[in-house]
């Protein structure tokens, strides 16, 4: 069975200040009410959050269109190609 396409939660990335040593869970399904992070809305689906531990303090832009191919949900500009 093919994995379904995620819900497009937004059409612009969200700027986030990440802290060294903190664990983050980026939403991959698009249904979380805590975008860009997971709130467990993926339960009973084929989606799982991308979980990682931050290795340095940094500011990033995380994807909300869910079409990025970059690690940890980092925006790759895919939202600029969404039509409609």
PDB file of N, CA and C in Angstrom:
ATOM      1  N   UNK A   1       0.837  -1.173   0.000  1.00  0.00           N
ATOM      2  CA  UNK A   1       0.000   0.000   0.000  1.00  0.00           C
ATOM      3  C   UNK A   1       0.887   1.243   0.000  1.00  0.00           C
ATOM      4  N   UNK A   2       0.599   2.183  -0.877  1.00  0.00           N
ATOM      5  CA  UNK A   2       1.378   3.418  -0.962  1.00  0.00           C
ATOM      6  C   UNK A   2       1.022   4.339   0.204  1.00  0.00           C
ATOM      7  N   UNK A   3       2.022   5.026   0.690  1.00  0.00           N
ATOM      8  CA  UNK A   3       1.798   5.981   1.771  1.00  0.00           C
ATOM      9  C   UNK A   3       0.984   7.156   1.235  1.00  0.00           C
ATOM     10  N   UNK A   4      -0.045   7.602   1.952  1.00  0.00           N
ATOM     11  CA  UNK A   4      -0.850   8.731   1.484  1.00  0.00           C
ATOM     12  C   UNK A   4      -0.051  10.037   1.513  1.00  0.00           C
ATOM     13  N   UNK A   5      -0.519  11.013   0.774  1.00  0.00           N
ATOM     14  CA  UNK A   5       0.125  12.322   0.789  1.00  0.00           C
ATOM     15  C   UNK A   5      -0.268  13.040   2.074  1.00  0.00           C
ATOM     16  N   UNK A   6       0.673  13.792   2.647  1.00  0.00           N
ATOM     17  CA  UNK A   6       0.350  14.521   3.874  1.00  0.00           C
ATOM     18  C   UNK A   6      -0.575  15.702   3.588  1.00  0.00           C
ATOM     19  N   UNK A   7      -1.256  16.146   4.610  1.00  0.00           N
ATOM     20  CA  UNK A   7      -2.082  17.354   4.549  1.00  0.00           C
ATOM     21  C   UNK A   7      -1.154  18.561   4.480  1.00  0.00           C
ATOM     22  N   UNK A   8      -1.442  19.530   3.638  1.00  0.00           N
ATOM     23  CA  UNK A   8      -0.636  20.759   3.560  1.00  0.00           C
ATOM     24  C   UNK A   8      -1.078  21.660   4.708  1.00  0.00           C
ATOM     25  N   UNK A   9      -0.276  21.721   5.752  1.00  0.00           N
ATOM     26  CA  UNK A   9      -0.624  22.489   6.946  1.00  0.00           C
ATOM     27  C   UNK A   9      -0.435  23.990   6.737  1.00  0.00           C
ATOM     28  N   UNK A  10       0.482  24.365   5.850  1.00  0.00           N
ATOM     29  CA  UNK A  10       0.756  25.776   5.595  1.00  0.00           C
ATOM     30  C   UNK A  10       1.512  25.953   4.299  1.00  0.00           C
ATOM     31  N   UNK A  11       1.576  27.177   3.850  1.00  0.00           N
ATOM     32  CA  UNK A  11       2.262  27.478   2.590  1.00  0.00           C
ATOM     33  C   UNK A  11       3.508  28.338   2.793  1.00  0.00           C
ATOM     34  N   UNK A  12       3.899  28.463   4.045  1.00  0.00           N
ATOM     35  CA  UNK A  12       5.140  29.161   4.379  1.00  0.00           C
ATOM     36  C   UNK A  12       5.804  28.413   5.533  1.00  0.00           C
ATOM     37  N   UNK A  13       7.133  28.443   5.606  1.00  0.00           N
ATOM     38  CA  UNK A  13       7.806  27.781   6.716  1.00  0.00           C
ATOM     39  C   UNK A  13       7.616  28.570   8.013  1.00  0.00           C
ATOM     40  N   UNK A  14       7.889  27.914   9.126  1.00  0.00           N
ATOM     41  CA  UNK A  14       7.812  28.555  10.434  1.00  0.00           C
ATOM     42  C   UNK A  14       9.228  28.676  10.994  1.00  0.00           C
ATOM     43  N   UNK A  15       9.586  29.899  11.409  1.00  0.00           N
ATOM     44  CA  UNK A  15      10.896  30.154  12.007  1.00  0.00           C
ATOM     45  C   UNK A  15      10.878  29.643  13.450  1.00  0.00           C
ATOM     46  N   UNK A  16      11.879  28.827  13.798  1.00  0.00           N
ATOM     47  CA  UNK A  16      11.939  28.202  15.116  1.00  0.00           C
ATOM     48  C   UNK A  16      13.352  28.332  15.681  1.00  0.00           C
ATOM     49  N   UNK A  17      13.443  28.698  16.956  1.00  0.00           N
ATOM     50  CA  UNK A  17      14.724  28.716  17.660  1.00  0.00           C
ATOM     51  C   UNK A  17      14.882  27.372  18.360  1.00  0.00           C
ATOM     52  N   UNK A  18      15.842  26.577  17.907  1.00  0.00           N
ATOM     53  CA  UNK A  18      16.099  25.263  18.474  1.00  0.00           C
ATOM     54  C   UNK A  18      17.191  25.364  19.533  1.00  0.00           C
ATOM     55  N   UNK A  19      17.073  24.554  20.574  1.00  0.00           N
ATOM     56  CA  UNK A  19      18.029  24.574  21.678  1.00  0.00           C
ATOM     57  C   UNK A  19      18.826  23.274  21.743  1.00  0.00           C
ATOM     58  N   UNK A  20      20.112  23.413  21.905  1.00  0.00           N
ATOM     59  CA  UNK A  20      21.012  22.264  22.012  1.00  0.00           C
ATOM     60  C   UNK A  20      20.536  21.331  23.129  1.00  0.00           C
ATOM     61  N   UNK A  21      20.507  20.033  22.829  1.00  0.00           N
ATOM     62  CA  UNK A  21      20.133  19.032  23.809  1.00  0.00           C
ATOM     63  C   UNK A  21      18.643  18.738  23.884  1.00  0.00           C
ATOM     64  N   UNK A  22      17.805  19.580  23.279  1.00  0.00           N
ATOM     65  CA  UNK A  22      16.357  19.359  23.275  1.00  0.00           C
ATOM     66  C   UNK A  22      15.982  18.357  22.185  1.00  0.00           C
ATOM     67  N   UNK A  23      14.937  17.577  22.429  1.00  0.00           N
ATOM     68  CA  UNK A  23      14.427  16.637  21.446  1.00  0.00           C
ATOM     69  C   UNK A  23      13.200  17.242  20.787  1.00  0.00           C
ATOM     70  N   UNK A  24      13.146  17.155  19.465  1.00  0.00           N
ATOM     71  CA  UNK A  24      12.049  17.721  18.683  1.00  0.00           C
ATOM     72  C   UNK A  24      11.402  16.637  17.833  1.00  0.00           C
ATOM     73  N   UNK A  25      10.120  16.812  17.548  1.00  0.00           N
ATOM     74  CA  UNK A  25       9.381  15.863  16.708  1.00  0.00           C
ATOM     75  C   UNK A  25       8.631  16.672  15.648  1.00  0.00           C
ATOM     76  N   UNK A  26       9.180  16.696  14.435  1.00  0.00           N
ATOM     77  CA  UNK A  26       8.572  17.435  13.328  1.00  0.00           C
ATOM     78  C   UNK A  26       7.397  16.634  12.779  1.00  0.00           C
ATOM     79  N   UNK A  27       6.266  17.292  12.611  1.00  0.00           N
ATOM     80  CA  UNK A  27       5.060  16.663  12.078  1.00  0.00           C
ATOM     81  C   UNK A  27       5.253  16.346  10.597  1.00  0.00           C
ATOM     82  N   UNK A  28       4.983  15.101  10.216  1.00  0.00           N
ATOM     83  CA  UNK A  28       5.078  14.707   8.810  1.00  0.00           C
ATOM     84  C   UNK A  28       3.708  14.530   8.163  1.00  0.00           C
ATOM     85  N   UNK A  29       2.644  14.433   8.979  1.00  0.00           N
ATOM     86  CA  UNK A  29       1.308  14.186   8.425  1.00  0.00           C
ATOM     87  C   UNK A  29       0.583  15.470   8.034  1.00  0.00           C
ATOM     88  N   UNK A  30       0.950  16.589   8.674  1.00  0.00           N
ATOM     89  CA  UNK A  30       0.315  17.870   8.387  1.00  0.00           C
ATOM     90  C   UNK A  30      -0.926  18.148   9.214  1.00  0.00           C
ATOM     91  N   UNK A  31      -1.354  17.219  10.045  1.00  0.00           N
ATOM     92  CA  UNK A  31      -2.598  17.392  10.810  1.00  0.00           C
ATOM     93  C   UNK A  31      -2.404  17.959  12.216  1.00  0.00           C
ATOM     94  N   UNK A  32      -1.184  18.109  12.664  1.00  0.00           N
ATOM     95  CA  UNK A  32      -0.919  18.594  14.011  1.00  0.00           C
ATOM     96  C   UNK A  32      -1.423  20.029  14.198  1.00  0.00           C
ATOM     97  N   UNK A  33      -1.988  20.304  15.353  1.00  0.00           N
ATOM     98  CA  UNK A  33      -2.412  21.669  15.690  1.00  0.00           C
ATOM     99  C   UNK A  33      -1.258  22.464  16.283  1.00  0.00           C
ATOM    100  N   UNK A  34      -0.090  21.822  16.443  1.00  0.00           N
ATOM    101  CA  UNK A  34       1.093  22.464  17.018  1.00  0.00           C
ATOM    102  C   UNK A  34       2.189  22.621  15.961  1.00  0.00           C
ATOM    103  N   UNK A  35       1.824  22.922  14.729  1.00  0.00           N
ATOM    104  CA  UNK A  35       2.782  23.056  13.629  1.00  0.00           C
ATOM    105  C   UNK A  35       3.932  23.965  14.005  1.00  0.00           C
ATOM    106  N   UNK A  36       5.142  23.584  13.631  1.00  0.00           N
ATOM    107  CA  UNK A  36       5.507  22.502  12.738  1.00  0.00           C
ATOM    108  C   UNK A  36       5.773  21.184  13.468  1.00  0.00           C
ATOM    109  N   UNK A  37       5.442  21.140  14.754  1.00  0.00           N
ATOM    110  CA  UNK A  37       5.751  19.969  15.561  1.00  0.00           C
ATOM    111  C   UNK A  37       4.549  19.038  15.718  1.00  0.00           C
ATOM    112  N   UNK A  38       4.828  17.820  16.087  1.00  0.00           N
ATOM    113  CA  UNK A  38       3.827  16.761  16.230  1.00  0.00           C
ATOM    114  C   UNK A  38       3.001  16.925  17.509  1.00  0.00           C
ATOM    115  N   UNK A  39       1.710  16.675  17.399  1.00  0.00           N
ATOM    116  CA  UNK A  39       0.840  16.620  18.574  1.00  0.00           C
ATOM    117  C   UNK A  39       0.169  15.256  18.714  1.00  0.00           C
ATOM    118  N   UNK A  40       0.609  14.288  17.897  1.00  0.00           N
ATOM    119  CA  UNK A  40       0.052  12.941  17.956  1.00  0.00           C
ATOM    120  C   UNK A  40      -1.105  12.700  17.001  1.00  0.00           C
ATOM    121  N   UNK A  41      -1.443  13.677  16.170  1.00  0.00           N
ATOM    122  CA  UNK A  41      -2.565  13.537  15.231  1.00  0.00           C
ATOM    123  C   UNK A  41      -2.374  12.417  14.222  1.00  0.00           C
ATOM    124  N   UNK A  42      -1.150  11.942  14.063  1.00  0.00           N
ATOM    125  CA  UNK A  42      -0.856  10.881  13.092  1.00  0.00           C
ATOM    126  C   UNK A  42      -1.304   9.504  13.576  1.00  0.00           C
ATOM    127  N   UNK A  43      -1.755   9.387  14.807  1.00  0.00           N
ATOM    128  CA  UNK A  43      -2.158   8.085  15.347  1.00  0.00           C
ATOM    129  C   UNK A  43      -3.130   7.390  14.396  1.00  0.00           C
ATOM    130  N   UNK A  44      -2.971   6.104  14.228  1.00  0.00           N
ATOM    131  CA  UNK A  44      -3.806   5.283  13.348  1.00  0.00           C
ATOM    132  C   UNK A  44      -3.658   5.652  11.874  1.00  0.00           C
ATOM    133  N   UNK A  45      -2.491   6.204  11.503  1.00  0.00           N
ATOM    134  CA  UNK A  45      -2.187   6.503  10.097  1.00  0.00           C
ATOM    135  C   UNK A  45      -0.860   5.832   9.757  1.00  0.00           C
ATOM    136  N   UNK A  46      -0.395   6.025   8.541  1.00  0.00           N
ATOM    137  CA  UNK A  46       0.898   5.497   8.119  1.00  0.00           C
ATOM    138  C   UNK A  46       2.026   6.502   8.341  1.00  0.00           C
ATOM    139  N   UNK A  47       1.725   7.614   9.002  1.00  0.00           N
ATOM    140  CA  UNK A  47       2.720   8.656   9.254  1.00  0.00           C
ATOM    141  C   UNK A  47       3.340   8.511  10.642  1.00  0.00           C
ATOM    142  N   UNK A  48       4.596   8.957  10.756  1.00  0.00           N
ATOM    143  CA  UNK A  48       5.302   9.015  12.024  1.00  0.00           C
ATOM    144  C   UNK A  48       6.081  10.324  12.054  1.00  0.00           C
ATOM    145  N   UNK A  49       6.193  10.977  13.205  1.00  0.00           N
ATOM    146  CA  UNK A  49       6.965  12.216  13.263  1.00  0.00           C
ATOM    147  C   UNK A  49       8.452  11.934  13.052  1.00  0.00           C
ATOM    148  N   UNK A  50       9.157  12.936  12.596  1.00  0.00           N
ATOM    149  CA  UNK A  50      10.613  12.823  12.497  1.00  0.00           C
ATOM    150  C   UNK A  50      11.184  13.385  13.790  1.00  0.00           C
ATOM    151  N   UNK A  51      11.746  12.512  14.598  1.00  0.00           N
ATOM    152  CA  UNK A  51      12.242  12.878  15.927  1.00  0.00           C
ATOM    153  C   UNK A  51      13.763  12.973  15.895  1.00  0.00           C
ATOM    154  N   UNK A  52      14.295  14.033  16.483  1.00  0.00           N
ATOM    155  CA  UNK A  52      15.746  14.182  16.566  1.00  0.00           C
ATOM    156  C   UNK A  52      16.115  15.032  17.771  1.00  0.00           C
ATOM    157  N   UNK A  53      17.374  14.897  18.195  1.00  0.00           N
ATOM    158  CA  UNK A  53      17.923  15.688  19.293  1.00  0.00           C
ATOM    159  C   UNK A  53      18.838  16.740  18.693  1.00  0.00           C
ATOM    160  N   UNK A  54      18.595  17.986  19.032  1.00  0.00           N
ATOM    161  CA  UNK A  54      19.358  19.103  18.474  1.00  0.00           C
ATOM    162  C   UNK A  54      20.772  19.121  19.063  1.00  0.00           C
ATOM    163  N   UNK A  55      21.757  19.341  18.203  1.00  0.00           N
ATOM    164  CA  UNK A  55      23.160  19.310  18.628  1.00  0.00           C
ATOM    165  C   UNK A  55      23.761  20.698  18.848  1.00  0.00           C
ATOM    166  N   UNK A  56      22.990  21.747  18.505  1.00  0.00           N
ATOM    167  CA  UNK A  56      23.488  23.108  18.711  1.00  0.00           C
ATOM    168  C   UNK A  56      22.308  24.074  18.745  1.00  0.00           C
ATOM    169  N   UNK A  57      22.476  25.200  19.442  1.00  0.00           N
ATOM    170  CA  UNK A  57      21.470  26.250  19.400  1.00  0.00           C
ATOM    171  C   UNK A  57      21.480  26.840  18.000  1.00  0.00           C
ATOM    172  N   UNK A  58      20.299  26.956  17.394  1.00  0.00           N
ATOM    173  CA  UNK A  58      20.242  27.561  16.061  1.00  0.00           C
ATOM    174  C   UNK A  58      18.807  27.941  15.725  1.00  0.00           C
ATOM    175  N   UNK A  59      18.679  28.837  14.778  1.00  0.00           N
ATOM    176  CA  UNK A  59      17.385  29.250  14.266  1.00  0.00           C
ATOM    177  C   UNK A  59      17.224  28.644  12.887  1.00  0.00           C
ATOM    178  N   UNK A  60      16.085  27.998  12.644  1.00  0.00           N
ATOM    179  CA  UNK A  60      15.817  27.332  11.370  1.00  0.00           C
ATOM    180  C   UNK A  60      14.414  27.681  10.897  1.00  0.00           C
ATOM    181  N   UNK A  61      14.129  27.359   9.654  1.00  0.00           N
ATOM    182  CA  UNK A  61      12.788  27.495   9.094  1.00  0.00           C
ATOM    183  C   UNK A  61      12.296  26.090   8.777  1.00  0.00           C
ATOM    184  N   UNK A  62      11.233  25.661   9.487  1.00  0.00           N
ATOM    185  CA  UNK A  62      10.712  24.309   9.313  1.00  0.00           C
ATOM    186  C   UNK A  62       9.504  24.316   8.393  1.00  0.00           C
ATOM    187  N   UNK A  63       9.451  23.299   7.562  1.00  0.00           N
ATOM    188  CA  UNK A  63       8.434  23.135   6.535  1.00  0.00           C
ATOM    189  C   UNK A  63       7.047  22.900   7.140  1.00  0.00           C
ATOM    190  N   UNK A  64       6.026  23.542   6.566  1.00  0.00           N
ATOM    191  CA  UNK A  64       4.634  23.267   6.941  1.00  0.00           C
ATOM    192  C   UNK A  64       3.836  22.703   5.769  1.00  0.00           C
ATOM    193  N   UNK A  65       4.400  22.756   4.548  1.00  0.00           N
ATOM    194  CA  UNK A  65       3.694  22.173   3.398  1.00  0.00           C
ATOM    195  C   UNK A  65       3.901  20.660   3.352  1.00  0.00           C
ATOM    196  N   UNK A  66       4.888  20.172   4.117  1.00  0.00           N
ATOM    197  CA  UNK A  66       5.203  18.745   4.263  1.00  0.00           C
ATOM    198  C   UNK A  66       5.766  18.114   2.998  1.00  0.00           C
ATOM    199  N   UNK A  67       6.318  18.931   2.107  1.00  0.00           N
ATOM    200  CA  UNK A  67       6.875  18.420   0.862  1.00  0.00           C
ATOM    201  C   UNK A  67       8.398  18.536   0.807  1.00  0.00           C
ATOM    202  N   UNK A  68       9.012  18.923   1.902  1.00  0.00           N
ATOM    203  CA  UNK A  68      10.463  19.025   1.923  1.00  0.00           C
ATOM    204  C   UNK A  68      11.109  17.645   1.887  1.00  0.00           C
ATOM    205  N   UNK A  69      12.311  17.604   1.339  1.00  0.00           N
ATOM    206  CA  UNK A  69      13.082  16.364   1.354  1.00  0.00           C
ATOM    207  C   UNK A  69      14.320  16.526   2.232  1.00  0.00           C
ATOM    208  N   UNK A  70      14.345  17.615   2.988  1.00  0.00           N
ATOM    209  CA  UNK A  70      15.502  17.890   3.843  1.00  0.00           C
ATOM    210  C   UNK A  70      15.314  17.285   5.234  1.00  0.00           C
ATOM    211  N   UNK A  71      16.422  16.951   5.834  1.00  0.00           N
ATOM    212  CA  UNK A  71      16.452  16.352   7.170  1.00  0.00           C
ATOM    213  C   UNK A  71      15.782  17.256   8.209  1.00  0.00           C
ATOM    214  N   UNK A  72      15.080  16.644   9.139  1.00  0.00           N
ATOM    215  CA  UNK A  72      14.432  17.305  10.278  1.00  0.00           C
ATOM    216  C   UNK A  72      13.359  18.314   9.873  1.00  0.00           C
ATOM    217  N   UNK A  73      12.853  18.199   8.660  1.00  0.00           N
ATOM    218  CA  UNK A  73      11.787  19.090   8.220  1.00  0.00           C
ATOM    219  C   UNK A  73      12.243  20.482   7.834  1.00  0.00           C
ATOM    220  N   UNK A  74      13.533  20.643   7.586  1.00  0.00           N
ATOM    221  CA  UNK A  74      14.030  21.958   7.175  1.00  0.00           C
ATOM    222  C   UNK A  74      13.421  22.329   5.825  1.00  0.00           C
ATOM    223  N   UNK A  75      12.977  23.550   5.699  1.00  0.00           N
ATOM    224  CA  UNK A  75      12.338  24.015   4.471  1.00  0.00           C
ATOM    225  C   UNK A  75      13.308  23.942   3.295  1.00  0.00           C
ATOM    226  N   UNK A  76      12.801  23.469   2.157  1.00  0.00           N
ATOM    227  CA  UNK A  76      13.602  23.442   0.935  1.00  0.00           C
ATOM    228  C   UNK A  76      12.980  24.296  -0.171  1.00  0.00           C
ATOM    229  N   UNK A  77      11.949  25.076   0.183  1.00  0.00           N
ATOM    230  CA  UNK A  77      11.302  25.937  -0.795  1.00  0.00           C
ATOM    231  C   UNK A  77      10.188  25.276  -1.576  1.00  0.00           C
ATOM    232  N   UNK A  78       9.855  24.037  -1.257  1.00  0.00           N
ATOM    233  CA  UNK A  78       8.818  23.312  -1.995  1.00  0.00           C
ATOM    234  C   UNK A  78       7.470  24.042  -1.953  1.00  0.00           C
ATOM    235  N   UNK A  79       7.206  24.803  -0.909  1.00  0.00           N
ATOM    236  CA  UNK A  79       5.936  25.525  -0.801  1.00  0.00           C
ATOM    237  C   UNK A  79       5.730  26.518  -1.951  1.00  0.00           C
ATOM    238  N   UNK A  80       6.803  26.941  -2.570  1.00  0.00           N
ATOM    239  CA  UNK A  80       6.707  27.894  -3.693  1.00  0.00           C
ATOM    240  C   UNK A  80       6.152  27.234  -4.953  1.00  0.00           C
ATOM    241  N   UNK A  81       6.152  25.901  -4.982  1.00  0.00           N
ATOM    242  CA  UNK A  81       5.670  25.171  -6.152  1.00  0.00           C
ATOM    243  C   UNK A  81       4.234  24.667  -5.990  1.00  0.00           C
ATOM    244  N   UNK A  82       3.597  24.965  -4.872  1.00  0.00           N
ATOM    245  CA  UNK A  82       2.213  24.523  -4.646  1.00  0.00           C
ATOM    246  C   UNK A  82       1.272  25.406  -5.452  1.00  0.00           C
ATOM    247  N   UNK A  83       0.417  24.764  -6.213  1.00  0.00           N
ATOM    248  CA  UNK A  83      -0.549  25.495  -7.032  1.00  0.00           C
ATOM    249  C   UNK A  83      -1.906  25.442  -6.340  1.00  0.00           C
ATOM    250  N   UNK A  84      -2.586  26.567  -6.349  1.00  0.00           N
ATOM    251  CA  UNK A  84      -3.946  26.591  -5.798  1.00  0.00           C
ATOM    252  C   UNK A  84      -4.088  27.183  -4.477  1.00  0.00           C
TER     253      UNK A  84
END
